[in-house]
């Protein structure tokens, strides 16, 4: 089978590998589609070299079907359509014992800390599987994981229907947070620099602001009757966005930090103090977020056809990252089975 592996120095190697049978407690998946995301870009840029072991077959946003099951696996059978919640925790650390297994202090994020989905056959623990209904297209189902991220972020914010929400950053996760927040009853505005993304965001029915042309603080104050936003999601990863986020939130408003910030950022703690703001981190997801994400895709709430810009075969994975980095795509999917050796594709 063909795999796509990060080998260091911004290099992805398309190589052949021999699939191995699933171990006890595992299932082997025939991977259909894999979505490429910002975390994968961090890997490609070398920002996670201290964490990953190369060569790393990566990728964690996926859809597929069960090809075979290992010993001791119950409740799953070949042919079942699934996605994967790519988290494996130890169950013994203080975070796990407190009920926060999803942010285990020794978390194995599958696809980063261990091999991921950019391979024709992928062995994963059976308890990471999430069932897909028959009416979800497999390409759309590859978005369940990022939608689950958005669901978790919105749940973490504790927003209520009627809240005014500002999302800073209109990339894939920002658009998904905006969409989920609207589904939860909020009114949403998105701040985004890129004009093509702003046009897409506007077409989805959201207010889309260019902070270089619009005084975002004045606009939010007018929009909220002088109060400020109930919730601000920082999704851009930009230092200026972190510093400016506190100016957008109302008294006792909430700022949710979603983006991965590779270095410490300056923040206006005087504003945090003065308005009694609440700052929350939001990382990964829980099983309930995955289940809700499946529902939101199945009922058409998530505009998957708008978000998926293109689909490429596995051999074009590196070029797909160039498109993402160059702002030429919102979400790129890799069709993992396309271009696989004939015997593998027919298996």
C-alpha atoms as a PDB file:
ATOM      1  CA  UNK A   1       0.000   0.000   0.000  1.00  0.00           C
ATOM      2  CA  UNK A   2       1.016   3.630  -0.467  1.00  0.00           C
ATOM      3  CA  UNK A   3       1.478   5.924   2.524  1.00  0.00           C
ATOM      4  CA  UNK A   4       2.237   9.628   2.963  1.00  0.00           C
ATOM      5  CA  UNK A   5       4.787  10.296   5.686  1.00  0.00           C
ATOM      6  CA  UNK A   6       6.412  13.418   7.076  1.00  0.00           C
ATOM      7  CA  UNK A   7      10.170  12.834   7.056  1.00  0.00           C
ATOM      8  CA  UNK A   8      11.400  16.222   8.311  1.00  0.00           C
ATOM      9  CA  UNK A   9      12.556  19.405   6.549  1.00  0.00           C
ATOM     10  CA  UNK A  10       9.055  20.130   5.156  1.00  0.00           C
ATOM     11  CA  UNK A  11       9.219  16.904   3.185  1.00  0.00           C
ATOM     12  CA  UNK A  12       6.482  14.338   2.590  1.00  0.00           C
ATOM     13  CA  UNK A  13       7.511  10.940   1.274  1.00  0.00           C
ATOM     14  CA  UNK A  14       5.049   8.808  -0.681  1.00  0.00           C
ATOM     15  CA  UNK A  15       6.225   5.277   0.009  1.00  0.00           C
ATOM     16  CA  UNK A  16       5.074   1.691  -0.095  1.00  0.00           C
ATOM     17  CA  UNK A  17       4.424  -0.242   3.099  1.00  0.00           C
ATOM     18  CA  UNK A  18       3.005  -3.618   3.959  1.00  0.00           C
ATOM     19  CA  UNK A  19      -0.208  -3.541   6.016  1.00  0.00           C
ATOM     20  CA  UNK A  20      -0.132  -5.582   9.222  1.00  0.00           C
ATOM     21  CA  UNK A  21      -3.107  -7.430  10.746  1.00  0.00           C
ATOM     22  CA  UNK A  22      -4.921  -5.636  13.569  1.00  0.00           C
ATOM     23  CA  UNK A  23      -3.738  -6.534  17.068  1.00  0.00           C
ATOM     24  CA  UNK A  24      -6.174  -7.687  19.766  1.00  0.00           C
ATOM     25  CA  UNK A  25      -8.562  -4.831  20.528  1.00  0.00           C
ATOM     26  CA  UNK A  26      -7.826  -3.121  17.223  1.00  0.00           C
ATOM     27  CA  UNK A  27      -9.654  -2.816  13.924  1.00  0.00           C
ATOM     28  CA  UNK A  28      -8.132  -2.346  10.487  1.00  0.00           C
ATOM     29  CA  UNK A  29      -9.729   0.432   8.468  1.00  0.00           C
ATOM     30  CA  UNK A  30      -9.817   0.950   4.744  1.00  0.00           C
ATOM     31  CA  UNK A  31      -9.290   4.690   4.757  1.00  0.00           C
ATOM     32  CA  UNK A  32     -11.472   6.587   2.290  1.00  0.00           C
ATOM     33  CA  UNK A  33     -10.716  10.301   2.751  1.00  0.00           C
ATOM     34  CA  UNK A  34      -8.383  12.297   4.983  1.00  0.00           C
ATOM     35  CA  UNK A  35      -8.715  16.025   5.601  1.00  0.00           C
ATOM     36  CA  UNK A  36      -5.609  18.188   5.899  1.00  0.00           C
ATOM     37  CA  UNK A  37      -5.608  20.794   8.651  1.00  0.00           C
ATOM     38  CA  UNK A  38      -3.596  23.451  10.428  1.00  0.00           C
ATOM     39  CA  UNK A  39      -2.084  20.961  12.857  1.00  0.00           C
ATOM     40  CA  UNK A  40      -0.756  18.971   9.903  1.00  0.00           C
ATOM     41  CA  UNK A  41       0.781  22.210   8.604  1.00  0.00           C
ATOM     42  CA  UNK A  42       2.493  22.697  11.972  1.00  0.00           C
ATOM     43  CA  UNK A  43       3.949  19.200  11.581  1.00  0.00           C
ATOM     44  CA  UNK A  44       5.106  19.935   8.038  1.00  0.00           C
ATOM     45  CA  UNK A  45       6.725  23.203   9.152  1.00  0.00           C
ATOM     46  CA  UNK A  46       8.749  21.337  11.774  1.00  0.00           C
ATOM     47  CA  UNK A  47       7.021  23.078  14.678  1.00  0.00           C
ATOM     48  CA  UNK A  48       6.322  19.693  16.276  1.00  0.00           C
ATOM     49  CA  UNK A  49       9.669  18.036  15.572  1.00  0.00           C
ATOM     50  CA  UNK A  50      10.348  17.732  19.295  1.00  0.00           C
ATOM     51  CA  UNK A  51       7.165  15.696  19.597  1.00  0.00           C
ATOM     52  CA  UNK A  52       6.829  13.562  16.481  1.00  0.00           C
ATOM     53  CA  UNK A  53       8.968  10.619  15.448  1.00  0.00           C
ATOM     54  CA  UNK A  54       9.894  10.534  11.785  1.00  0.00           C
ATOM     55  CA  UNK A  55       8.997   9.124   9.405  1.00  0.00           C
ATOM     56  CA  UNK A  56       5.451   9.836  10.578  1.00  0.00           C
ATOM     57  CA  UNK A  57       2.428   8.694   8.596  1.00  0.00           C
ATOM     58  CA  UNK A  58       0.133  11.464   9.771  1.00  0.00           C
ATOM     59  CA  UNK A  59      -3.480  12.616   9.281  1.00  0.00           C
ATOM     60  CA  UNK A  60      -6.341  12.406  11.768  1.00  0.00           C
ATOM     61  CA  UNK A  61      -9.458  13.779  10.011  1.00  0.00           C
ATOM     62  CA  UNK A  62     -10.851  10.776   8.185  1.00  0.00           C
ATOM     63  CA  UNK A  63     -13.638   8.506   7.040  1.00  0.00           C
ATOM     64  CA  UNK A  64     -13.487   4.851   6.081  1.00  0.00           C
ATOM     65  CA  UNK A  65     -14.860   1.363   6.477  1.00  0.00           C
ATOM     66  CA  UNK A  66     -13.780  -1.519   8.661  1.00  0.00           C
ATOM     67  CA  UNK A  67     -11.696  -4.027   6.702  1.00  0.00           C
ATOM     68  CA  UNK A  68     -11.086  -6.513   9.534  1.00  0.00           C
ATOM     69  CA  UNK A  69     -11.285  -6.764  13.318  1.00  0.00           C
ATOM     70  CA  UNK A  70      -8.747  -8.052  15.813  1.00  0.00           C
ATOM     71  CA  UNK A  71      -9.329 -10.555  18.581  1.00  0.00           C
ATOM     72  CA  UNK A  72     -11.641  -9.446  21.338  1.00  0.00           C
ATOM     73  CA  UNK A  73     -13.370  -6.723  19.332  1.00  0.00           C
ATOM     74  CA  UNK A  74     -17.143  -6.764  19.740  1.00  0.00           C
ATOM     75  CA  UNK A  75     -19.876  -4.630  18.236  1.00  0.00           C
ATOM     76  CA  UNK A  76     -18.011  -3.866  15.018  1.00  0.00           C
ATOM     77  CA  UNK A  77     -17.839  -5.802  11.753  1.00  0.00           C
ATOM     78  CA  UNK A  78     -16.176  -5.534   8.335  1.00  0.00           C
ATOM     79  CA  UNK A  79     -18.041  -3.082   6.132  1.00  0.00           C
ATOM     80  CA  UNK A  80     -19.135  -0.783   8.961  1.00  0.00           C
ATOM     81  CA  UNK A  81     -18.732   2.892   7.999  1.00  0.00           C
ATOM     82  CA  UNK A  82     -16.786   4.812  10.638  1.00  0.00           C
ATOM     83  CA  UNK A  83     -14.655   7.748  11.585  1.00  0.00           C
ATOM     84  CA  UNK A  84     -12.083   7.876  14.372  1.00  0.00           C
ATOM     85  CA  UNK A  85     -11.841  10.026  17.484  1.00  0.00           C
ATOM     86  CA  UNK A  86      -8.025   9.981  17.447  1.00  0.00           C
ATOM     87  CA  UNK A  87      -7.320  10.125  21.172  1.00  0.00           C
ATOM     88  CA  UNK A  88      -5.807   7.410  23.363  1.00  0.00           C
ATOM     89  CA  UNK A  89      -5.410   8.173  27.062  1.00  0.00           C
ATOM     90  CA  UNK A  90      -3.747   6.267  29.876  1.00  0.00           C
ATOM     91  CA  UNK A  91      -6.637   6.394  32.352  1.00  0.00           C
ATOM     92  CA  UNK A  92      -4.277   6.786  35.297  1.00  0.00           C
ATOM     93  CA  UNK A  93      -2.990  10.379  35.278  1.00  0.00           C
ATOM     94  CA  UNK A  94      -4.589  13.095  37.454  1.00  0.00           C
ATOM     95  CA  UNK A  95      -6.490  14.543  34.467  1.00  0.00           C
ATOM     96  CA  UNK A  96      -7.982  11.158  33.570  1.00  0.00           C
ATOM     97  CA  UNK A  97      -8.882  10.379  37.177  1.00  0.00           C
ATOM     98  CA  UNK A  98     -10.680  13.743  37.332  1.00  0.00           C
ATOM     99  CA  UNK A  99     -12.802  12.779  34.301  1.00  0.00           C
ATOM    100  CA  UNK A 100     -10.832  14.775  31.722  1.00  0.00           C
ATOM    101  CA  UNK A 101      -9.515  11.859  29.677  1.00  0.00           C
ATOM    102  CA  UNK A 102      -9.599  13.850  26.431  1.00  0.00           C
ATOM    103  CA  UNK A 103      -6.785  16.046  27.764  1.00  0.00           C
ATOM    104  CA  UNK A 104      -4.874  13.243  29.436  1.00  0.00           C
ATOM    105  CA  UNK A 105      -1.486  14.393  30.679  1.00  0.00           C
ATOM    106  CA  UNK A 106       0.073  11.554  28.657  1.00  0.00           C
ATOM    107  CA  UNK A 107      -2.278  11.789  25.690  1.00  0.00           C
ATOM    108  CA  UNK A 108      -1.522   9.898  22.487  1.00  0.00           C
ATOM    109  CA  UNK A 109      -3.021  12.035  19.749  1.00  0.00           C
ATOM    110  CA  UNK A 110      -3.217   9.438  17.002  1.00  0.00           C
ATOM    111  CA  UNK A 111      -1.829  10.845  13.765  1.00  0.00           C
ATOM    112  CA  UNK A 112       0.655  13.026  15.648  1.00  0.00           C
ATOM    113  CA  UNK A 113       2.096  10.947  18.464  1.00  0.00           C
ATOM    114  CA  UNK A 114       1.478   7.660  16.637  1.00  0.00           C
ATOM    115  CA  UNK A 115       0.739   6.679  13.006  1.00  0.00           C
ATOM    116  CA  UNK A 116      -2.224   8.336  11.312  1.00  0.00           C
ATOM    117  CA  UNK A 117      -4.645   7.900   8.451  1.00  0.00           C
ATOM    118  CA  UNK A 118      -2.663   8.760   5.301  1.00  0.00           C
ATOM    119  CA  UNK A 119      -2.366   5.085   4.425  1.00  0.00           C
ATOM    120  CA  UNK A 120      -4.661   2.623   2.673  1.00  0.00           C
ATOM    121  CA  UNK A 121      -4.988   0.362   5.739  1.00  0.00           C
ATOM    122  CA  UNK A 122      -4.869   1.848   9.234  1.00  0.00           C
ATOM    123  CA  UNK A 123      -4.988  -0.068  12.516  1.00  0.00           C
ATOM    124  CA  UNK A 124      -6.642   1.779  15.415  1.00  0.00           C
ATOM    125  CA  UNK A 125      -8.056   0.859  18.825  1.00  0.00           C
ATOM    126  CA  UNK A 126     -11.676  -0.222  18.492  1.00  0.00           C
ATOM    127  CA  UNK A 127     -12.733   2.180  21.235  1.00  0.00           C
ATOM    128  CA  UNK A 128     -11.765   5.154  19.064  1.00  0.00           C
ATOM    129  CA  UNK A 129     -14.417   4.332  16.438  1.00  0.00           C
ATOM    130  CA  UNK A 130     -17.496   6.483  15.879  1.00  0.00           C
ATOM    131  CA  UNK A 131     -20.244   5.053  13.665  1.00  0.00           C
ATOM    132  CA  UNK A 132     -21.376   6.887  10.542  1.00  0.00           C
ATOM    133  CA  UNK A 133     -24.967   6.712   9.311  1.00  0.00           C
ATOM    134  CA  UNK A 134     -25.579   5.417   5.817  1.00  0.00           C
ATOM    135  CA  UNK A 135     -26.823   8.783   4.511  1.00  0.00           C
ATOM    136  CA  UNK A 136     -23.540  10.671   5.061  1.00  0.00           C
ATOM    137  CA  UNK A 137     -21.268  10.812   2.020  1.00  0.00           C
ATOM    138  CA  UNK A 138     -17.791   9.561   2.808  1.00  0.00           C
ATOM    139  CA  UNK A 139     -16.097  12.764   1.686  1.00  0.00           C
ATOM    140  CA  UNK A 140     -18.344  14.849   3.949  1.00  0.00           C
ATOM    141  CA  UNK A 141     -17.732  12.399   6.794  1.00  0.00           C
ATOM    142  CA  UNK A 142     -14.032  13.266   6.734  1.00  0.00           C
ATOM    143  CA  UNK A 143     -15.086  16.606   8.277  1.00  0.00           C
ATOM    144  CA  UNK A 144     -16.546  15.019  11.423  1.00  0.00           C
ATOM    145  CA  UNK A 145     -13.312  15.539  13.370  1.00  0.00           C
ATOM    146  CA  UNK A 146     -12.969  19.302  12.685  1.00  0.00           C
ATOM    147  CA  UNK A 147     -16.703  19.770  13.278  1.00  0.00           C
ATOM    148  CA  UNK A 148     -16.240  18.009  16.623  1.00  0.00           C
ATOM    149  CA  UNK A 149     -13.503  20.548  17.412  1.00  0.00           C
ATOM    150  CA  UNK A 150     -15.989  23.346  16.730  1.00  0.00           C
ATOM    151  CA  UNK A 151     -18.723  21.696  18.791  1.00  0.00           C
ATOM    152  CA  UNK A 152     -16.330  21.335  21.716  1.00  0.00           C
ATOM    153  CA  UNK A 153     -15.215  24.969  21.417  1.00  0.00           C
ATOM    154  CA  UNK A 154     -18.803  26.216  21.389  1.00  0.00           C
ATOM    155  CA  UNK A 155     -19.847  23.991  24.287  1.00  0.00           C
ATOM    156  CA  UNK A 156     -16.810  25.156  26.225  1.00  0.00           C
ATOM    157  CA  UNK A 157     -17.894  28.784  25.779  1.00  0.00           C
ATOM    158  CA  UNK A 158     -21.283  28.095  27.405  1.00  0.00           C
ATOM    159  CA  UNK A 159     -22.951  30.522  25.000  1.00  0.00           C
ATOM    160  CA  UNK A 160     -26.724  30.784  25.101  1.00  0.00           C
ATOM    161  CA  UNK A 161     -29.294  31.484  22.363  1.00  0.00           C
ATOM    162  CA  UNK A 162     -29.294  35.143  21.404  1.00  0.00           C
ATOM    163  CA  UNK A 163     -25.663  35.738  22.346  1.00  0.00           C
ATOM    164  CA  UNK A 164     -23.521  37.937  20.102  1.00  0.00           C
ATOM    165  CA  UNK A 165     -20.389  36.053  19.096  1.00  0.00           C
ATOM    166  CA  UNK A 166     -17.209  37.223  17.347  1.00  0.00           C
ATOM    167  CA  UNK A 167     -14.920  34.697  15.664  1.00  0.00           C
ATOM    168  CA  UNK A 168     -11.408  35.988  14.947  1.00  0.00           C
ATOM    169  CA  UNK A 169     -10.098  34.023  11.973  1.00  0.00           C
ATOM    170  CA  UNK A 170     -12.187  32.737   9.081  1.00  0.00           C
ATOM    171  CA  UNK A 171     -10.297  29.575   8.168  1.00  0.00           C
ATOM    172  CA  UNK A 172     -11.943  26.135   8.258  1.00  0.00           C
ATOM    173  CA  UNK A 173     -12.188  25.916  12.056  1.00  0.00           C
ATOM    174  CA  UNK A 174     -13.335  29.525  12.339  1.00  0.00           C
ATOM    175  CA  UNK A 175     -16.111  28.952   9.804  1.00  0.00           C
ATOM    176  CA  UNK A 176     -17.127  25.744  11.572  1.00  0.00           C
ATOM    177  CA  UNK A 177     -17.229  27.499  14.956  1.00  0.00           C
ATOM    178  CA  UNK A 178     -19.370  30.244  13.425  1.00  0.00           C
ATOM    179  CA  UNK A 179     -21.705  27.649  11.903  1.00  0.00           C
ATOM    180  CA  UNK A 180     -22.025  25.628  15.099  1.00  0.00           C
ATOM    181  CA  UNK A 181     -22.496  28.762  17.222  1.00  0.00           C
ATOM    182  CA  UNK A 182     -25.324  29.848  14.907  1.00  0.00           C
ATOM    183  CA  UNK A 183     -26.866  26.376  15.179  1.00  0.00           C
ATOM    184  CA  UNK A 184     -26.748  26.815  18.973  1.00  0.00           C
ATOM    185  CA  UNK A 185     -28.706  30.087  18.619  1.00  0.00           C
ATOM    186  CA  UNK A 186     -26.027  32.785  18.521  1.00  0.00           C
ATOM    187  CA  UNK A 187     -25.646  35.754  16.178  1.00  0.00           C
ATOM    188  CA  UNK A 188     -22.168  35.612  14.687  1.00  0.00           C
ATOM    189  CA  UNK A 189     -19.642  37.960  13.095  1.00  0.00           C
ATOM    190  CA  UNK A 190     -16.293  36.807  11.711  1.00  0.00           C
ATOM    191  CA  UNK A 191     -13.106  38.867  11.452  1.00  0.00           C
ATOM    192  CA  UNK A 192     -10.921  37.751   8.534  1.00  0.00           C
ATOM    193  CA  UNK A 193      -8.159  39.386   6.498  1.00  0.00           C
ATOM    194  CA  UNK A 194      -8.368  37.334   3.311  1.00  0.00           C
ATOM    195  CA  UNK A 195     -10.921  38.778   0.829  1.00  0.00           C
ATOM    196  CA  UNK A 196     -11.759  35.414  -0.766  1.00  0.00           C
ATOM    197  CA  UNK A 197     -12.510  33.931   2.619  1.00  0.00           C
ATOM    198  CA  UNK A 198     -14.575  36.975   3.591  1.00  0.00           C
ATOM    199  CA  UNK A 199     -16.659  36.534   0.452  1.00  0.00           C
ATOM    200  CA  UNK A 200     -17.232  32.893   1.295  1.00  0.00           C
ATOM    201  CA  UNK A 201     -18.118  33.748   4.884  1.00  0.00           C
ATOM    202  CA  UNK A 202     -20.567  36.401   3.714  1.00  0.00           C
ATOM    203  CA  UNK A 203     -22.160  33.922   1.308  1.00  0.00           C
ATOM    204  CA  UNK A 204     -22.819  31.652   4.295  1.00  0.00           C
ATOM    205  CA  UNK A 205     -24.830  34.441   5.924  1.00  0.00           C
ATOM    206  CA  UNK A 206     -22.325  35.796   8.448  1.00  0.00           C
ATOM    207  CA  UNK A 207     -21.092  39.327   8.940  1.00  0.00           C
ATOM    208  CA  UNK A 208     -17.507  39.342   7.614  1.00  0.00           C
ATOM    209  CA  UNK A 209     -15.202  42.149   8.717  1.00  0.00           C
ATOM    210  CA  UNK A 210     -11.828  43.260   7.405  1.00  0.00           C
ATOM    211  CA  UNK A 211     -10.131  44.817  10.475  1.00  0.00           C
ATOM    212  CA  UNK A 212      -7.891  46.890   8.195  1.00  0.00           C
ATOM    213  CA  UNK A 213     -10.901  48.678   6.735  1.00  0.00           C
ATOM    214  CA  UNK A 214     -13.346  48.562   9.652  1.00  0.00           C
ATOM    215  CA  UNK A 215     -12.738  49.632  13.245  1.00  0.00           C
ATOM    216  CA  UNK A 216     -13.654  46.275  14.736  1.00  0.00           C
ATOM    217  CA  UNK A 217     -14.067  47.593  18.282  1.00  0.00           C
ATOM    218  CA  UNK A 218     -16.446  50.363  17.172  1.00  0.00           C
ATOM    219  CA  UNK A 219     -18.345  47.937  14.934  1.00  0.00           C
ATOM    220  CA  UNK A 220     -18.824  45.391  17.736  1.00  0.00           C
ATOM    221  CA  UNK A 221     -19.907  48.093  20.153  1.00  0.00           C
ATOM    222  CA  UNK A 222     -22.512  49.338  17.695  1.00  0.00           C
ATOM    223  CA  UNK A 223     -23.642  45.769  16.920  1.00  0.00           C
ATOM    224  CA  UNK A 224     -24.095  44.996  20.608  1.00  0.00           C
ATOM    225  CA  UNK A 225     -25.592  48.305  21.733  1.00  0.00           C
ATOM    226  CA  UNK A 226     -22.398  49.316  23.497  1.00  0.00           C
ATOM    227  CA  UNK A 227     -22.079  46.124  25.520  1.00  0.00           C
ATOM    228  CA  UNK A 228     -19.449  44.103  23.658  1.00  0.00           C
ATOM    229  CA  UNK A 229     -19.543  40.515  22.479  1.00  0.00           C
ATOM    230  CA  UNK A 230     -20.774  37.788  24.785  1.00  0.00           C
ATOM    231  CA  UNK A 231     -18.155  35.380  23.439  1.00  0.00           C
ATOM    232  CA  UNK A 232     -14.985  35.933  21.405  1.00  0.00           C
ATOM    233  CA  UNK A 233     -13.278  32.932  19.785  1.00  0.00           C
ATOM    234  CA  UNK A 234      -9.592  33.473  18.935  1.00  0.00           C
ATOM    235  CA  UNK A 235      -8.945  31.123  16.010  1.00  0.00           C
ATOM    236  CA  UNK A 236      -6.379  33.053  13.964  1.00  0.00           C
ATOM    237  CA  UNK A 237      -3.212  32.277  15.888  1.00  0.00           C
ATOM    238  CA  UNK A 238      -2.019  35.870  15.388  1.00  0.00           C
ATOM    239  CA  UNK A 239      -0.416  37.870  18.177  1.00  0.00           C
ATOM    240  CA  UNK A 240      -2.396  41.001  17.273  1.00  0.00           C
ATOM    241  CA  UNK A 241      -5.648  39.060  17.507  1.00  0.00           C
ATOM    242  CA  UNK A 242      -4.876  37.890  21.031  1.00  0.00           C
ATOM    243  CA  UNK A 243      -4.027  41.411  22.131  1.00  0.00           C
ATOM    244  CA  UNK A 244      -7.174  42.827  20.531  1.00  0.00           C
ATOM    245  CA  UNK A 245      -9.594  40.131  21.652  1.00  0.00           C
ATOM    246  CA  UNK A 246     -10.056  41.643  25.113  1.00  0.00           C
ATOM    247  CA  UNK A 247     -11.313  44.891  23.550  1.00  0.00           C
ATOM    248  CA  UNK A 248     -14.211  43.059  21.899  1.00  0.00           C
ATOM    249  CA  UNK A 249     -15.692  41.251  24.920  1.00  0.00           C
ATOM    250  CA  UNK A 250     -18.443  42.575  27.161  1.00  0.00           C
ATOM    251  CA  UNK A 251     -18.280  42.892  30.939  1.00  0.00           C
ATOM    252  CA  UNK A 252     -17.928  39.308  32.191  1.00  0.00           C
ATOM    253  CA  UNK A 253     -17.653  38.138  28.612  1.00  0.00           C
ATOM    254  CA  UNK A 254     -15.773  35.028  27.578  1.00  0.00           C
ATOM    255  CA  UNK A 255     -12.705  34.660  25.365  1.00  0.00           C
ATOM    256  CA  UNK A 256     -12.069  31.152  24.065  1.00  0.00           C
ATOM    257  CA  UNK A 257      -8.540  30.455  22.838  1.00  0.00           C
ATOM    258  CA  UNK A 258      -8.800  27.892  20.046  1.00  0.00           C
ATOM    259  CA  UNK A 259      -5.718  28.521  17.900  1.00  0.00           C
ATOM    260  CA  UNK A 260      -2.391  26.826  18.563  1.00  0.00           C
ATOM    261  CA  UNK A 261       0.042  29.577  19.559  1.00  0.00           C
ATOM    262  CA  UNK A 262       3.624  28.331  19.187  1.00  0.00           C
ATOM    263  CA  UNK A 263       5.042  31.087  21.404  1.00  0.00           C
ATOM    264  CA  UNK A 264       3.733  33.120  24.384  1.00  0.00           C
ATOM    265  CA  UNK A 265       1.542  36.082  23.444  1.00  0.00           C
ATOM    266  CA  UNK A 266       0.976  39.518  24.942  1.00  0.00           C
ATOM    267  CA  UNK A 267      -2.507  39.990  26.395  1.00  0.00           C
ATOM    268  CA  UNK A 268      -4.237  43.004  27.961  1.00  0.00           C
ATOM    269  CA  UNK A 269      -4.649  41.833  31.552  1.00  0.00           C
ATOM    270  CA  UNK A 270      -5.782  45.285  32.635  1.00  0.00           C
ATOM    271  CA  UNK A 271      -8.865  44.801  30.433  1.00  0.00           C
ATOM    272  CA  UNK A 272      -9.323  41.283  31.805  1.00  0.00           C
ATOM    273  CA  UNK A 273      -9.300  42.723  35.318  1.00  0.00           C
ATOM    274  CA  UNK A 274     -11.453  45.752  34.538  1.00  0.00           C
ATOM    275  CA  UNK A 275     -14.230  43.816  32.809  1.00  0.00           C
ATOM    276  CA  UNK A 276     -13.898  40.588  34.814  1.00  0.00           C
ATOM    277  CA  UNK A 277     -13.347  38.667  31.617  1.00  0.00           C
ATOM    278  CA  UNK A 278     -13.113  34.910  31.474  1.00  0.00           C
ATOM    279  CA  UNK A 279     -10.400  33.313  29.310  1.00  0.00           C
ATOM    280  CA  UNK A 280     -10.770  29.646  28.418  1.00  0.00           C
ATOM    281  CA  UNK A 281      -8.633  27.211  26.499  1.00  0.00           C
ATOM    282  CA  UNK A 282     -10.394  24.739  24.229  1.00  0.00           C
ATOM    283  CA  UNK A 283      -8.470  21.700  23.041  1.00  0.00           C
ATOM    284  CA  UNK A 284      -9.637  18.658  21.078  1.00  0.00           C
ATOM    285  CA  UNK A 285     -13.013  17.104  21.962  1.00  0.00           C
ATOM    286  CA  UNK A 286     -15.029  14.450  23.775  1.00  0.00           C
ATOM    287  CA  UNK A 287     -17.153  11.642  22.376  1.00  0.00           C
ATOM    288  CA  UNK A 288     -20.339  13.658  22.761  1.00  0.00           C
ATOM    289  CA  UNK A 289     -18.796  16.300  20.473  1.00  0.00           C
ATOM    290  CA  UNK A 290     -18.174  13.669  17.796  1.00  0.00           C
ATOM    291  CA  UNK A 291     -21.725  12.381  18.057  1.00  0.00           C
ATOM    292  CA  UNK A 292     -23.129  15.902  17.727  1.00  0.00           C
ATOM    293  CA  UNK A 293     -20.803  16.583  14.790  1.00  0.00           C
ATOM    294  CA  UNK A 294     -22.145  13.539  12.950  1.00  0.00           C
ATOM    295  CA  UNK A 295     -25.681  14.845  13.486  1.00  0.00           C
ATOM    296  CA  UNK A 296     -24.823  18.340  12.221  1.00  0.00           C
ATOM    297  CA  UNK A 297     -23.295  16.949   9.033  1.00  0.00           C
ATOM    298  CA  UNK A 298     -26.141  14.484   8.513  1.00  0.00           C
ATOM    299  CA  UNK A 299     -28.850  17.151   8.832  1.00  0.00           C
ATOM    300  CA  UNK A 300     -27.093  19.571   6.468  1.00  0.00           C
ATOM    301  CA  UNK A 301     -26.207  22.207   9.068  1.00  0.00           C
ATOM    302  CA  UNK A 302     -22.543  22.039   8.074  1.00  0.00           C
ATOM    303  CA  UNK A 303     -21.976  23.331   4.498  1.00  0.00           C
ATOM    304  CA  UNK A 304     -19.552  20.547   3.590  1.00  0.00           C
ATOM    305  CA  UNK A 305     -19.789  21.160  -0.164  1.00  0.00           C
ATOM    306  CA  UNK A 306     -18.708  24.775   0.364  1.00  0.00           C
ATOM    307  CA  UNK A 307     -15.878  23.917   2.725  1.00  0.00           C
ATOM    308  CA  UNK A 308     -14.309  21.133   0.648  1.00  0.00           C
ATOM    309  CA  UNK A 309     -12.360  23.017  -1.995  1.00  0.00           C
ATOM    310  CA  UNK A 310     -10.721  20.074  -3.718  1.00  0.00           C
ATOM    311  CA  UNK A 311      -9.955  16.360  -3.470  1.00  0.00           C
ATOM    312  CA  UNK A 312      -6.535  15.020  -4.440  1.00  0.00           C
ATOM    313  CA  UNK A 313      -4.973  11.546  -4.632  1.00  0.00           C
ATOM    314  CA  UNK A 314      -2.478  10.495  -1.984  1.00  0.00           C
ATOM    315  CA  UNK A 315       0.470  11.160  -4.296  1.00  0.00           C
ATOM    316  CA  UNK A 316      -0.443  14.887  -4.399  1.00  0.00           C
ATOM    317  CA  UNK A 317      -0.488  15.396  -0.618  1.00  0.00           C
ATOM    318  CA  UNK A 318       2.516  17.748  -0.617  1.00  0.00           C
ATOM    319  CA  UNK A 319       1.048  19.922  -3.367  1.00  0.00           C
ATOM    320  CA  UNK A 320      -2.222  20.072  -1.438  1.00  0.00           C
ATOM    321  CA  UNK A 321      -0.385  21.630   1.493  1.00  0.00           C
ATOM    322  CA  UNK A 322       0.995  24.269  -0.857  1.00  0.00           C
ATOM    323  CA  UNK A 323      -2.581  25.141  -1.847  1.00  0.00           C
ATOM    324  CA  UNK A 324      -3.621  25.426   1.796  1.00  0.00           C
ATOM    325  CA  UNK A 325      -0.648  27.553   2.702  1.00  0.00           C
ATOM    326  CA  UNK A 326      -1.104  29.775  -0.322  1.00  0.00           C
ATOM    327  CA  UNK A 327      -4.737  30.480   0.568  1.00  0.00           C
ATOM    328  CA  UNK A 328      -5.993  28.696  -2.549  1.00  0.00           C
ATOM    329  CA  UNK A 329      -8.148  26.232  -0.625  1.00  0.00           C
ATOM    330  CA  UNK A 330     -10.373  26.149   2.452  1.00  0.00           C
ATOM    331  CA  UNK A 331     -10.305  22.394   3.041  1.00  0.00           C
ATOM    332  CA  UNK A 332      -8.467  19.790   0.964  1.00  0.00           C
ATOM    333  CA  UNK A 333      -9.279  16.104   1.216  1.00  0.00           C
ATOM    334  CA  UNK A 334      -6.934  13.315   0.238  1.00  0.00           C
ATOM    335  CA  UNK A 335      -8.610  10.397  -1.549  1.00  0.00           C
ATOM    336  CA  UNK A 336      -6.414   7.731  -0.005  1.00  0.00           C
ATOM    337  CA  UNK A 337      -7.572   4.883  -2.246  1.00  0.00           C
ATOM    338  CA  UNK A 338      -6.980   6.836  -5.465  1.00  0.00           C
ATOM    339  CA  UNK A 339      -3.704   5.708  -7.000  1.00  0.00           C
ATOM    340  CA  UNK A 340      -3.200   2.756  -4.684  1.00  0.00           C
ATOM    341  CA  UNK A 341      -1.715  -0.365  -6.273  1.00  0.00           C
ATOM    342  CA  UNK A 342      -4.368  -2.371  -8.137  1.00  0.00           C
ATOM    343  CA  UNK A 343      -4.300  -5.289  -5.730  1.00  0.00           C
ATOM    344  CA  UNK A 344      -4.721  -2.913  -2.776  1.00  0.00           C
ATOM    345  CA  UNK A 345      -7.555  -0.930  -4.350  1.00  0.00           C
ATOM    346  CA  UNK A 346      -9.365  -4.156  -5.189  1.00  0.00           C
ATOM    347  CA  UNK A 347      -8.961  -5.669  -1.717  1.00  0.00           C
END
